[in-house]
C-alpha atoms as a PDB file:
ATOM      1  CA  MET A   1      19.837 -91.488  13.273  1.00  0.00           C
ATOM      2  CA  PRO A   2      19.750 -92.430   9.291  1.00  0.00           C
ATOM      3  CA  LEU A   3      21.157 -90.107   6.829  1.00  0.00           C
ATOM      4  CA  PRO A   4      17.532 -89.750   4.852  1.00  0.00           C
ATOM      5  CA  LEU A   5      16.030 -88.657   8.187  1.00  0.00           C
ATOM      6  CA  LEU A   6      18.546 -86.026   8.945  1.00  0.00           C
ATOM      7  CA  ILE A   7      18.470 -84.200   5.686  1.00  0.00           C
ATOM      8  CA  VAL A   8      14.651 -83.953   5.749  1.00  0.00           C
ATOM      9  CA  PRO A   9      14.360 -81.478   8.428  1.00  0.00           C
ATOM     10  CA  LEU A  10      17.737 -79.641   7.728  1.00  0.00           C
ATOM     11  CA  VAL A  11      16.388 -78.979   4.178  1.00  0.00           C
ATOM     12  CA  ALA A  12      13.130 -77.907   5.977  1.00  0.00           C
ATOM     13  CA  ALA A  13      14.503 -75.700   8.054  1.00  0.00           C
ATOM     14  CA  ALA A  14      16.778 -73.925   5.516  1.00  0.00           C
ATOM     15  CA  THR A  15      13.785 -73.218   3.236  1.00  0.00           C
ATOM     16  CA  THR A  16      10.951 -72.387   6.164  1.00  0.00           C
ATOM     17  CA  THR A  17      13.278 -69.906   8.240  1.00  0.00           C
ATOM     18  CA  SER A  18      13.047 -67.447   5.720  1.00  0.00           C
ATOM     19  CA  SER A  19       9.292 -67.335   5.515  1.00  0.00           C
ATOM     20  CA  GLY A  20       9.022 -66.196   9.063  1.00  0.00           C
ATOM     21  CA  GLY A  21       8.480 -67.647  12.681  1.00  0.00           C
ATOM     22  CA  ALA A  22       5.869 -69.915  11.901  1.00  0.00           C
ATOM     23  CA  GLY A  23       8.399 -71.807   9.392  1.00  0.00           C
ATOM     24  CA  VAL A  24      10.943 -71.823  12.187  1.00  0.00           C
ATOM     25  CA  VAL A  25       8.896 -73.766  14.593  1.00  0.00           C
ATOM     26  CA  VAL A  26       7.534 -76.253  11.772  1.00  0.00           C
ATOM     27  CA  ALA A  27      11.410 -76.864  11.053  1.00  0.00           C
ATOM     28  CA  THR A  28      12.031 -77.218  14.783  1.00  0.00           C
ATOM     29  CA  VAL A  29       9.191 -79.793  15.266  1.00  0.00           C
ATOM     30  CA  THR A  30       9.956 -81.654  12.146  1.00  0.00           C
ATOM     31  CA  THR A  31      14.148 -81.846  13.354  1.00  0.00           C
ATOM     32  CA  ILE A  32      13.048 -82.713  16.871  1.00  0.00           C
ATOM     33  CA  PHE A  33      10.440 -85.697  15.507  1.00  0.00           C
ATOM     34  CA  ALA A  34      13.402 -86.748  12.926  1.00  0.00           C
ATOM     35  CA  ILE A  35      16.179 -87.184  15.673  1.00  0.00           C
ATOM     36  CA  PHE A  36      13.603 -89.189  18.158  1.00  0.00           C
ATOM     37  CA  SER A  37      12.536 -91.150  15.364  1.00  0.00           C
ATOM     38  CA  GLY A  38      16.355 -91.807  14.464  1.00  0.00           C
ATOM     39  CA  TYR A  39      16.904 -92.509  18.022  1.00  0.00           C
ATOM     40  CA  TRP A  40      14.341 -94.951  18.082  1.00  0.00           C
ATOM     41  CA  TYR A  41      15.168 -96.309  15.004  1.00  0.00           C
ATOM     42  CA  GLY A  42      18.581 -97.052  16.144  1.00  0.00           C
ATOM     43  CA  SER A  43      17.758 -98.294  20.005  1.00  0.00           C
ATOM     44  CA  GLY A  44      17.461-101.825  18.311  1.00  0.00           C
ATOM     45  CA  SER A  45      21.281-102.096  18.829  1.00  0.00           C
ATOM     46  CA  SER A  46      22.440-104.034  21.552  1.00  0.00           C
ATOM     47  CA  ASP A  47      25.125-101.886  22.611  1.00  0.00           C
ATOM     48  CA  ASP A  48      24.139 -99.243  25.357  1.00  0.00           C
ATOM     49  CA  LYS A  49      27.224 -97.395  24.972  1.00  0.00           C
ATOM     50  CA  LYS A  50      27.073 -96.567  21.453  1.00  0.00           C
ATOM     51  CA  LYS A  51      22.753 -95.781  21.981  1.00  0.00           C
ATOM     52  CA  SER A  52      23.827 -93.468  25.073  1.00  0.00           C
ATOM     53  CA  ASP A  53      26.505 -91.685  23.009  1.00  0.00           C
ATOM     54  CA  ALA A  54      24.308 -91.623  19.959  1.00  0.00           C
ATOM     55  CA  TYR A  55      21.647 -90.080  22.024  1.00  0.00           C
ATOM     56  CA  GLU A  56      23.935 -87.240  23.155  1.00  0.00           C
ATOM     57  CA  LYS A  57      25.202 -86.413  19.786  1.00  0.00           C
ATOM     58  CA  ARG A  58      21.450 -85.915  18.478  1.00  0.00           C
ATOM     59  CA  ILE A  59      20.746 -84.055  21.787  1.00  0.00           C
ATOM     60  CA  ASP A  60      23.683 -81.652  20.862  1.00  0.00           C
ATOM     61  CA  GLU A  61      22.715 -81.618  17.089  1.00  0.00           C
ATOM     62  CA  LEU A  62      19.263 -80.568  18.394  1.00  0.00           C
ATOM     63  CA  LEU A  63      20.652 -78.146  20.752  1.00  0.00           C
ATOM     64  CA  GLN A  64      22.859 -76.638  17.948  1.00  0.00           C
ATOM     65  CA  LEU A  65      20.038 -76.417  15.992  1.00  0.00           C
ATOM     66  CA  ILE A  66      17.972 -74.698  18.152  1.00  0.00           C
ATOM     67  CA  ALA A  67      20.839 -72.222  18.645  1.00  0.00           C
ATOM     68  CA  LYS A  68      20.712 -71.854  15.034  1.00  0.00           C
ATOM     69  CA  LEU A  69      17.074 -71.367  14.605  1.00  0.00           C
ATOM     70  CA  ARG A  70      17.084 -68.812  17.560  1.00  0.00           C
ATOM     71  CA  ASN A  71      19.620 -66.528  16.095  1.00  0.00           C
ATOM     72  CA  GLU A  72      17.898 -66.926  12.823  1.00  0.00           C
ATOM     73  CA  LEU A  73      14.692 -66.142  14.429  1.00  0.00           C
ATOM     74  CA  GLN A  74      16.508 -63.151  16.310  1.00  0.00           C
ATOM     75  CA  GLU A  75      17.938 -61.969  13.139  1.00  0.00           C
ATOM     76  CA  GLN A  76      14.652 -61.942  11.298  1.00  0.00           C
ATOM     77  CA  LEU A  77      13.017 -60.268  14.247  1.00  0.00           C
ATOM     78  CA  ASN A  78      15.520 -57.554  14.126  1.00  0.00           C
ATOM     79  CA  SER A  79      15.293 -57.302  10.166  1.00  0.00           C
ATOM     80  CA  VAL A  80      11.274 -56.789  10.884  1.00  0.00           C
ATOM     81  CA  LYS A  81      12.012 -54.251  13.511  1.00  0.00           C
ATOM     82  CA  HIS A  82      14.201 -52.488  11.375  1.00  0.00           C
ATOM     83  CA  ASN A  83      11.030 -52.539   8.556  1.00  0.00           C
ATOM     84  CA  LEU A  84       9.101 -51.438  11.094  1.00  0.00           C
ATOM     85  CA  ASP A  85      10.930 -48.690  12.225  1.00  0.00           C
ATOM     86  CA  ALA A  86      11.635 -47.595   8.426  1.00  0.00           C
ATOM     87  CA  THR A  87       8.151 -47.907   7.868  1.00  0.00           C
ATOM     88  CA  ASN A  88       7.291 -45.816  10.992  1.00  0.00           C
ATOM     89  CA  THR A  89      10.057 -43.217   9.853  1.00  0.00           C
ATOM     90  CA  ASN A  90       8.709 -43.100   6.473  1.00  0.00           C
ATOM     91  CA  PHE A  91       5.241 -42.799   7.877  1.00  0.00           C
ATOM     92  CA  GLN A  92       5.815 -40.080  10.030  1.00  0.00           C
ATOM     93  CA  VAL A  93       7.604 -38.184   6.982  1.00  0.00           C
ATOM     94  CA  SER A  94       4.567 -39.074   4.944  1.00  0.00           C
ATOM     95  CA  ALA A  95       2.582 -37.212   8.034  1.00  0.00           C
ATOM     96  CA  GLN A  96       4.379 -34.283   8.186  1.00  0.00           C
ATOM     97  CA  MET A  97       4.471 -34.078   4.151  1.00  0.00           C
ATOM     98  CA  THR A  98       0.695 -34.494   4.498  1.00  0.00           C
ATOM     99  CA  ASN A  99       0.769 -31.965   7.022  1.00  0.00           C
ATOM    100  CA  ASN A 100       2.625 -29.603   5.251  1.00  0.00           C
ATOM    101  CA  ALA A 101       0.764 -29.961   2.289  1.00  0.00           C
ATOM    102  CA  VAL A 102      -2.663 -29.555   4.067  1.00  0.00           C
ATOM    103  CA  ALA A 103      -1.048 -26.272   5.515  1.00  0.00           C
ATOM    104  CA  THR A 104      -0.296 -25.291   2.261  1.00  0.00           C
ATOM    105  CA  LEU A 105      -3.499 -26.207   0.673  1.00  0.00           C
ATOM    106  CA  LYS A 106      -5.333 -24.234   3.576  1.00  0.00           C
ATOM    107  CA  THR A 107      -3.127 -21.109   2.921  1.00  0.00           C
ATOM    108  CA  ALA A 108      -3.434 -21.219  -0.610  1.00  0.00           C
ATOM    109  CA  THR A 109      -7.469 -21.523   0.069  1.00  0.00           C
ATOM    110  CA  GLU A 110      -7.550 -18.725   2.463  1.00  0.00           C
ATOM    111  CA  GLU A 111      -5.757 -16.780  -0.290  1.00  0.00           C
ATOM    112  CA  MET A 112      -7.718 -17.772  -3.006  1.00  0.00           C
ATOM    113  CA  LYS A 113     -10.981 -16.548  -0.696  1.00  0.00           C
ATOM    114  CA  ASP A 114      -8.997 -13.178  -0.162  1.00  0.00           C
ATOM    115  CA  GLY A 115      -8.369 -13.188  -3.856  1.00  0.00           C
ATOM    116  CA  ASN A 116     -12.343 -13.828  -4.862  1.00  0.00           C
ATOM    117  CA  ASN A 117     -13.510 -11.400  -2.083  1.00  0.00           C
ATOM    118  CA  LEU A 118     -10.835  -8.684  -3.643  1.00  0.00           C
ATOM    119  CA  LEU A 119     -12.161  -9.857  -7.574  1.00  0.00           C
ATOM    120  CA  GLU A 120     -15.807  -9.303  -5.859  1.00  0.00           C
ATOM    121  CA  LYS A 121     -14.978  -5.838  -4.515  1.00  0.00           C
ATOM    122  CA  THR A 122     -12.872  -4.946  -8.011  1.00  0.00           C
ATOM    123  CA  THR A 123     -15.958  -6.015 -10.121  1.00  0.00           C
ATOM    124  CA  HIS A 124     -18.372  -3.923  -7.631  1.00  0.00           C
ATOM    125  CA  ASP A 125     -16.117  -1.002  -8.024  1.00  0.00           C
ATOM    126  CA  LEU A 126     -16.273  -1.284 -11.874  1.00  0.00           C
ATOM    127  CA  LYS A 127     -19.667  -1.647 -11.865  1.00  0.00           C
ATOM    128  CA  GLU A 128     -20.270   1.470 -10.127  1.00  0.00           C
ATOM    129  CA  ILE A 129     -17.513   3.180 -12.386  1.00  0.00           C
ATOM    130  CA  ASP A 130     -19.433   1.957 -15.651  1.00  0.00           C
ATOM    131  CA  LYS A 131     -22.744   3.608 -13.914  1.00  0.00           C
ATOM    132  CA  LYS A 132     -20.987   6.744 -13.448  1.00  0.00           C
ATOM    133  CA  LEU A 133     -19.353   6.545 -16.908  1.00  0.00           C
ATOM    134  CA  GLU A 134     -22.995   5.883 -18.459  1.00  0.00           C
ATOM    135  CA  LYS A 135     -24.609   8.572 -16.289  1.00  0.00           C
ATOM    136  CA  ARG A 136     -21.507  10.894 -17.687  1.00  0.00           C
ATOM    137  CA  ILE A 137     -22.389   9.897 -21.215  1.00  0.00           C
ATOM    138  CA  ASP A 138     -25.783  10.619 -20.811  1.00  0.00           C
ATOM    139  CA  GLU A 139     -24.765  14.166 -19.477  1.00  0.00           C
ATOM    140  CA  LEU A 140     -22.256  14.932 -22.572  1.00  0.00           C
ATOM    141  CA  MET A 141     -25.082  14.047 -24.600  1.00  0.00           C
ATOM    142  CA  ASN A 142     -27.549  16.007 -23.529  1.00  0.00           C
ATOM    143  CA  GLN A 143     -24.660  18.926 -23.661  1.00  0.00           C
ATOM    144  CA  ASN A 144     -23.820  17.956 -26.954  1.00  0.00           C
ATOM    145  CA  LYS A 145     -27.501  18.247 -28.051  1.00  0.00           C
ATOM    146  CA  GLY A 146     -27.561  21.777 -26.208  1.00  0.00           C
ATOM    147  CA  LEU A 147     -24.414  22.847 -28.415  1.00  0.00           C
ATOM    148  CA  LEU A 148     -26.295  21.475 -31.256  1.00  0.00           C
ATOM    149  CA  ASN A 149     -29.305  23.711 -30.891  1.00  0.00           C
ATOM    150  CA  VAL A 150     -27.058  26.407 -30.014  1.00  0.00           C
ATOM    151  CA  ILE A 151     -25.264  25.826 -33.558  1.00  0.00           C
ATOM    152  CA  GLU A 152     -28.376  25.767 -35.331  1.00  0.00           C
ATOM    153  CA  LYS A 153     -29.397  28.991 -33.426  1.00  0.00           C
ATOM    154  CA  LEU A 154     -25.982  30.735 -34.564  1.00  0.00           C
ATOM    155  CA  GLU A 155     -26.526  29.340 -38.132  1.00  0.00           C
ATOM    156  CA  GLU A 156     -30.034  31.068 -38.040  1.00  0.00           C
ATOM    157  CA  TYR A 157     -28.390  34.132 -36.810  1.00  0.00           C
ATOM    158  CA  LYS A 158     -25.816  33.995 -39.331  1.00  0.00           C
ATOM    159  CA  ASN A 159     -28.407  33.800 -42.044  1.00  0.00           C
ATOM    160  CA  LEU A 160     -30.252  36.408 -40.792  1.00  0.00           C
ATOM    161  CA  ILE A 161     -26.921  38.572 -40.471  1.00  0.00           C
ATOM    162  CA  LEU A 162     -26.285  37.483 -44.162  1.00  0.00           C
ATOM    163  CA  LYS A 163     -29.764  38.764 -45.153  1.00  0.00           C
ATOM    164  CA  LYS A 164     -29.298  41.922 -43.456  1.00  0.00           C
ATOM    165  CA  ASP A 165     -25.745  42.588 -44.814  1.00  0.00           C
ATOM    166  CA  GLU A 166     -27.564  42.097 -48.464  1.00  0.00           C
ATOM    167  CA  ALA A 167     -30.355  44.219 -47.384  1.00  0.00           C
ATOM    168  CA  LEU A 168     -27.925  46.627 -46.017  1.00  0.00           C
ATOM    169  CA  SER A 169     -25.990  46.173 -49.007  1.00  0.00           C
ATOM    170  CA  LYS A 170     -29.217  47.024 -51.096  1.00  0.00           C
ATOM    171  CA  ALA A 171     -30.200  49.976 -49.020  1.00  0.00           C
ATOM    172  CA  GLU A 172     -26.427  51.726 -49.472  1.00  0.00           C
ATOM    173  CA  GLN A 173     -26.969  50.999 -52.997  1.00  0.00           C
ATOM    174  CA  ASP A 174     -30.492  52.513 -53.443  1.00  0.00           C
ATOM    175  CA  MET A 175     -28.963  55.501 -51.046  1.00  0.00           C
ATOM    176  CA  GLN A 176     -25.705  55.955 -53.448  1.00  0.00           C
ATOM    177  CA  LYS A 177     -28.419  55.909 -56.387  1.00  0.00           C
ATOM    178  CA  LEU A 178     -30.567  58.502 -54.564  1.00  0.00           C
ATOM    179  CA  ARG A 179     -27.574  60.257 -53.572  1.00  0.00           C
ATOM    180  CA  ALA A 180     -26.100  60.386 -57.748  1.00  0.00           C
ATOM    181  CA  ASP A 181     -29.855  61.401 -58.601  1.00  0.00           C
ATOM    182  CA  LEU A 182     -29.916  64.254 -55.831  1.00  0.00           C
ATOM    183  CA  GLU A 183     -26.502  65.686 -57.078  1.00  0.00           C
ATOM    184  CA  SER A 184     -27.772  65.143 -60.564  1.00  0.00           C
ATOM    185  CA  ASN A 185     -31.260  67.252 -59.736  1.00  0.00           C
ATOM    186  CA  ILE A 186     -28.968  69.742 -57.819  1.00  0.00           C
ATOM    187  CA  ASN A 187     -26.854  70.154 -60.840  1.00  0.00           C
ATOM    188  CA  LEU A 188     -29.664  70.579 -62.965  1.00  0.00           C
ATOM    189  CA  MET A 189     -31.177  73.215 -60.550  1.00  0.00           C
ATOM    190  CA  LYS A 190     -27.629  75.054 -60.502  1.00  0.00           C
ATOM    191  CA  GLU A 191     -27.765  75.050 -64.291  1.00  0.00           C
ATOM    192  CA  LEU A 192     -31.239  76.346 -64.127  1.00  0.00           C
ATOM    193  CA  ARG A 193     -30.463  79.045 -61.851  1.00  0.00           C
ATOM    194  CA  ASP A 194     -27.351  79.859 -63.857  1.00  0.00           C
ATOM    195  CA  THR A 195     -29.714  80.103 -66.655  1.00  0.00           C
ATOM    196  CA  ILE A 196     -31.996  82.384 -65.232  1.00  0.00           C
ATOM    197  CA  LYS A 197     -29.454  84.635 -64.029  1.00  0.00           C
ATOM    198  CA  ILE A 198     -27.839  84.670 -67.431  1.00  0.00           C
ATOM    199  CA  LEU A 199     -31.197  85.945 -68.668  1.00  0.00           C
ATOM    200  CA  GLU A 200     -31.995  88.198 -66.184  1.00  0.00           C
ATOM    201  CA  ASN A 201     -28.713  89.920 -66.989  1.00  0.00           C
ATOM    202  CA  HIS A 202     -29.890  90.394 -70.346  1.00  0.00           C
ATOM    203  CA  ASN A 203     -33.364  91.507 -69.848  1.00  0.00           C
ATOM    204  CA  GLU A 204     -35.001  89.016 -71.364  1.00  0.00           C
ATOM    205  CA  LEU A 205     -37.226  88.201 -68.675  1.00  0.00           C
ATOM    206  CA  TRP A 206     -38.608  91.475 -68.676  1.00  0.00           C
ATOM    207  CA  VAL A 207     -40.574  90.864 -71.820  1.00  0.00           C
ATOM    208  CA  LEU A 208     -42.543  88.256 -69.709  1.00  0.00           C
ATOM    209  CA  PRO A 209     -44.412  90.309 -67.072  1.00  0.00           C
ATOM    210  CA  HIS A 210     -45.900  87.625 -65.605  1.00  0.00           C
ATOM    211  CA  ILE A 211     -42.789  85.798 -64.626  1.00  0.00           C
ATOM    212  CA  GLN A 212     -41.264  88.903 -62.879  1.00  0.00           C
ATOM    213  CA  PRO A 213     -43.127  88.780 -59.610  1.00  0.00           C
ATOM    214  CA  LYS A 214     -41.970  85.279 -59.435  1.00  0.00           C
ATOM    215  CA  LEU A 215     -38.318  86.045 -59.769  1.00  0.00           C
ATOM    216  CA  ALA A 216     -39.045  89.016 -57.065  1.00  0.00           C
ATOM    217  CA  MET A 217     -40.059  86.374 -54.530  1.00  0.00           C
ATOM    218  CA  ARG A 218     -36.692  84.494 -55.407  1.00  0.00           C
END
């Protein structure tokens, strides 16, 4: 086989095996075609033994190349299997993480529902408390109004008491004045009686006969 025809399939095999099984198949077919082309190219020799040796050599090269390609293909298959296993493991881990996330989300959702229910109940209780407070405030306002009325009445009573105190004070003053007048009149009457007694003792009243019967009546 000429050297150019041998190099071409080897280069093709080296550059295409990395691309997968399809490249391996193409390289194999290309190599076989090149080898047999070289055989027929060299078959024009008249020496049968050389032709047979060249044929066996090319067959050995072909078998070696096939074995090499098979090993490379096996390595690629192992690599693909390893990648698939790793991908499957990653997928399982991702699936487990997803399941955990879903479970966590479900738990959080339930907790949020419980929280919302508690919030609604608390809001309802607060509204009831507000209603009770409003009612109590109204009651206190009414009580305050009643207290204001009582205070107004007490103010009125206070004013009446002050007026009564003023009246009592004036009456007391009048009584004191009347008492003073009475005491003054009593003193005058005492003085008058004493004067009359003095006159009686001096017999000065006997000169007035019309007064004597009145004095006798006393």
